[in-house]
Amino acid sequence: MDIAAALKGYSQATRQIQLDTTMAGTFVVERFHGREVVDESFRFEIDVLSASGASSLNRPGIQA
């Protein structure tokens, strides 16, 4: 199965959650989990899908 071809039709347009990135239209949220507690930091884990195998989420100083 060609994953890139399968994802070609996916769009954020009809999703309840959308990502706003400098790489517009590259990612679609598959799943997310968030936690917020009084007197603690919040944490969100987001699983995304991309039709591009060349996409990189690395940022300097942060492990992807």
N, C-alpha and C. Protein backbone atom coordinates (compact mmCIF):
# COMPACT_ATOMS: atom_id res chain seq x y z
N MET A 1 0.84 -1.18 0.00
CA MET A 1 0.00 0.00 0.00
C MET A 1 0.88 1.25 0.00
N ASP A 2 0.60 2.17 -0.87
CA ASP A 2 1.34 3.42 -0.96
C ASP A 2 0.72 4.44 0.01
N ILE A 3 1.40 4.68 1.13
CA ILE A 3 0.86 5.56 2.16
C ILE A 3 0.70 6.99 1.65
N ALA A 4 1.67 7.47 0.90
CA ALA A 4 1.59 8.84 0.38
C ALA A 4 0.35 9.02 -0.49
N ALA A 5 0.04 8.03 -1.31
CA ALA A 5 -1.15 8.11 -2.17
C ALA A 5 -2.43 8.04 -1.33
N ALA A 6 -2.41 7.23 -0.28
CA ALA A 6 -3.58 7.09 0.58
C ALA A 6 -3.88 8.39 1.33
N LEU A 7 -2.84 9.13 1.69
CA LEU A 7 -3.00 10.37 2.46
C LEU A 7 -3.28 11.58 1.57
N LYS A 8 -3.14 11.43 0.28
CA LYS A 8 -3.29 12.55 -0.64
C LYS A 8 -4.65 13.25 -0.49
N GLY A 9 -5.70 12.49 -0.22
CA GLY A 9 -7.03 13.07 -0.10
C GLY A 9 -7.35 13.67 1.25
N TYR A 10 -6.49 13.47 2.24
CA TYR A 10 -6.76 14.01 3.58
C TYR A 10 -6.51 15.52 3.61
N SER A 11 -7.31 16.20 4.38
CA SER A 11 -7.19 17.65 4.51
C SER A 11 -7.60 18.04 5.92
N GLN A 12 -7.06 19.15 6.40
CA GLN A 12 -7.46 19.66 7.71
C GLN A 12 -8.80 20.38 7.65
N ALA A 13 -9.30 20.64 6.47
CA ALA A 13 -10.50 21.47 6.30
C ALA A 13 -11.71 20.94 7.07
N THR A 14 -11.85 19.63 7.19
CA THR A 14 -13.02 19.06 7.86
C THR A 14 -12.70 18.50 9.24
N ARG A 15 -11.50 18.75 9.73
CA ARG A 15 -11.08 18.23 11.04
C ARG A 15 -11.44 19.21 12.15
N GLN A 16 -11.72 18.68 13.34
CA GLN A 16 -12.02 19.54 14.49
C GLN A 16 -10.76 20.19 15.04
N ILE A 17 -9.62 19.56 14.82
CA ILE A 17 -8.34 20.09 15.29
C ILE A 17 -7.47 20.34 14.08
N GLN A 18 -6.90 21.54 14.01
CA GLN A 18 -6.04 21.89 12.89
C GLN A 18 -4.70 22.39 13.42
N LEU A 19 -3.62 22.08 12.69
CA LEU A 19 -2.30 22.55 13.04
C LEU A 19 -1.97 23.77 12.19
N ASP A 20 -1.40 24.77 12.82
CA ASP A 20 -0.96 25.96 12.11
C ASP A 20 0.56 25.96 12.15
N THR A 21 1.20 25.60 11.04
CA THR A 21 2.65 25.51 10.98
C THR A 21 3.16 26.30 9.78
N THR A 22 4.47 26.47 9.73
CA THR A 22 5.08 27.13 8.57
C THR A 22 5.04 26.22 7.35
N MET A 23 4.76 24.95 7.57
CA MET A 23 4.66 23.98 6.46
C MET A 23 3.18 23.69 6.21
N ALA A 24 2.46 24.69 5.76
CA ALA A 24 1.00 24.62 5.59
C ALA A 24 0.56 23.41 4.77
N GLY A 25 -0.45 22.72 5.29
CA GLY A 25 -1.03 21.60 4.56
C GLY A 25 -0.22 20.32 4.60
N THR A 26 0.88 20.30 5.34
CA THR A 26 1.75 19.13 5.37
C THR A 26 1.25 18.06 6.31
N PHE A 27 0.68 18.46 7.44
CA PHE A 27 0.30 17.51 8.47
C PHE A 27 -1.20 17.51 8.73
N VAL A 28 -1.71 16.33 9.12
CA VAL A 28 -3.10 16.17 9.54
C VAL A 28 -3.06 15.45 10.88
N VAL A 29 -3.80 15.97 11.86
CA VAL A 29 -3.83 15.35 13.19
C VAL A 29 -4.55 14.02 13.11
N GLU A 30 -3.87 12.97 13.58
CA GLU A 30 -4.49 11.65 13.66
C GLU A 30 -5.08 11.43 15.05
N ARG A 31 -4.30 11.82 16.08
CA ARG A 31 -4.72 11.60 17.46
C ARG A 31 -4.01 12.61 18.35
N PHE A 32 -4.67 13.01 19.42
CA PHE A 32 -3.99 13.84 20.40
C PHE A 32 -4.48 13.49 21.80
N HIS A 33 -3.61 13.74 22.75
CA HIS A 33 -3.94 13.49 24.15
C HIS A 33 -3.35 14.66 24.93
N GLY A 34 -4.15 15.26 25.79
CA GLY A 34 -3.67 16.40 26.55
C GLY A 34 -3.97 16.24 28.02
N ARG A 35 -3.14 16.91 28.83
CA ARG A 35 -3.33 16.86 30.28
C ARG A 35 -2.98 18.23 30.85
N GLU A 36 -3.86 18.71 31.71
CA GLU A 36 -3.63 19.98 32.38
C GLU A 36 -4.03 19.81 33.84
N VAL A 37 -3.14 20.20 34.73
CA VAL A 37 -3.36 20.03 36.16
C VAL A 37 -3.03 21.35 36.86
N VAL A 38 -3.76 21.67 37.92
CA VAL A 38 -3.49 22.87 38.69
C VAL A 38 -2.07 22.79 39.25
N ASP A 39 -1.32 23.88 39.16
CA ASP A 39 0.06 23.99 39.66
C ASP A 39 1.04 23.06 38.97
N GLU A 40 0.74 22.61 37.77
CA GLU A 40 1.67 21.82 36.97
C GLU A 40 1.61 22.31 35.53
N SER A 41 2.63 21.98 34.78
CA SER A 41 2.65 22.34 33.37
C SER A 41 1.67 21.47 32.60
N PHE A 42 1.15 22.01 31.50
CA PHE A 42 0.29 21.20 30.64
C PHE A 42 1.16 20.38 29.69
N ARG A 43 0.60 19.33 29.15
CA ARG A 43 1.33 18.48 28.22
C ARG A 43 0.36 17.96 27.16
N PHE A 44 0.76 18.09 25.91
CA PHE A 44 -0.04 17.57 24.81
C PHE A 44 0.83 16.69 23.94
N GLU A 45 0.33 15.53 23.60
CA GLU A 45 0.99 14.63 22.67
C GLU A 45 0.12 14.57 21.42
N ILE A 46 0.71 14.86 20.27
CA ILE A 46 -0.04 14.92 19.03
C ILE A 46 0.59 13.98 18.01
N ASP A 47 -0.19 13.05 17.50
CA ASP A 47 0.25 12.17 16.41
C ASP A 47 -0.26 12.77 15.12
N VAL A 48 0.63 12.97 14.17
CA VAL A 48 0.24 13.56 12.89
C VAL A 48 0.57 12.63 11.74
N LEU A 49 -0.14 12.82 10.65
CA LEU A 49 0.11 12.08 9.41
C LEU A 49 0.62 13.07 8.38
N SER A 50 1.50 12.59 7.50
CA SER A 50 2.01 13.43 6.43
C SER A 50 2.17 12.60 5.18
N ALA A 51 1.80 13.16 4.05
CA ALA A 51 1.97 12.47 2.77
C ALA A 51 3.42 12.59 2.30
N SER A 52 4.18 13.48 2.91
CA SER A 52 5.57 13.69 2.52
C SER A 52 6.50 12.94 3.47
N GLY A 53 7.28 12.03 2.92
CA GLY A 53 8.24 11.29 3.73
C GLY A 53 9.44 12.12 4.12
N ALA A 54 9.58 13.29 3.52
CA ALA A 54 10.74 14.15 3.77
C ALA A 54 10.50 15.16 4.88
N SER A 55 9.34 15.15 5.50
CA SER A 55 9.02 16.11 6.56
C SER A 55 9.85 15.82 7.79
N SER A 56 10.36 16.88 8.41
CA SER A 56 11.17 16.73 9.61
C SER A 56 10.58 17.60 10.72
N LEU A 57 10.47 17.04 11.91
CA LEU A 57 9.94 17.78 13.05
C LEU A 57 11.04 18.21 14.00
N ASN A 58 12.28 18.00 13.63
CA ASN A 58 13.39 18.35 14.51
C ASN A 58 13.52 19.86 14.66
N ARG A 59 13.77 20.27 15.90
CA ARG A 59 14.05 21.67 16.20
C ARG A 59 15.33 21.69 17.01
N PRO A 60 16.17 22.69 16.84
CA PRO A 60 17.42 22.76 17.60
C PRO A 60 17.17 22.71 19.10
N GLY A 61 17.86 21.83 19.78
CA GLY A 61 17.76 21.72 21.22
C GLY A 61 16.60 20.89 21.73
N ILE A 62 15.76 20.39 20.84
CA ILE A 62 14.60 19.59 21.25
C ILE A 62 14.61 18.27 20.51
N GLN A 63 14.52 17.17 21.25
CA GLN A 63 14.47 15.86 20.61
C GLN A 63 13.10 15.62 20.03
N ALA A 64 13.07 15.09 18.81
CA ALA A 64 11.79 14.79 18.17
C ALA A 64 11.45 13.34 18.38
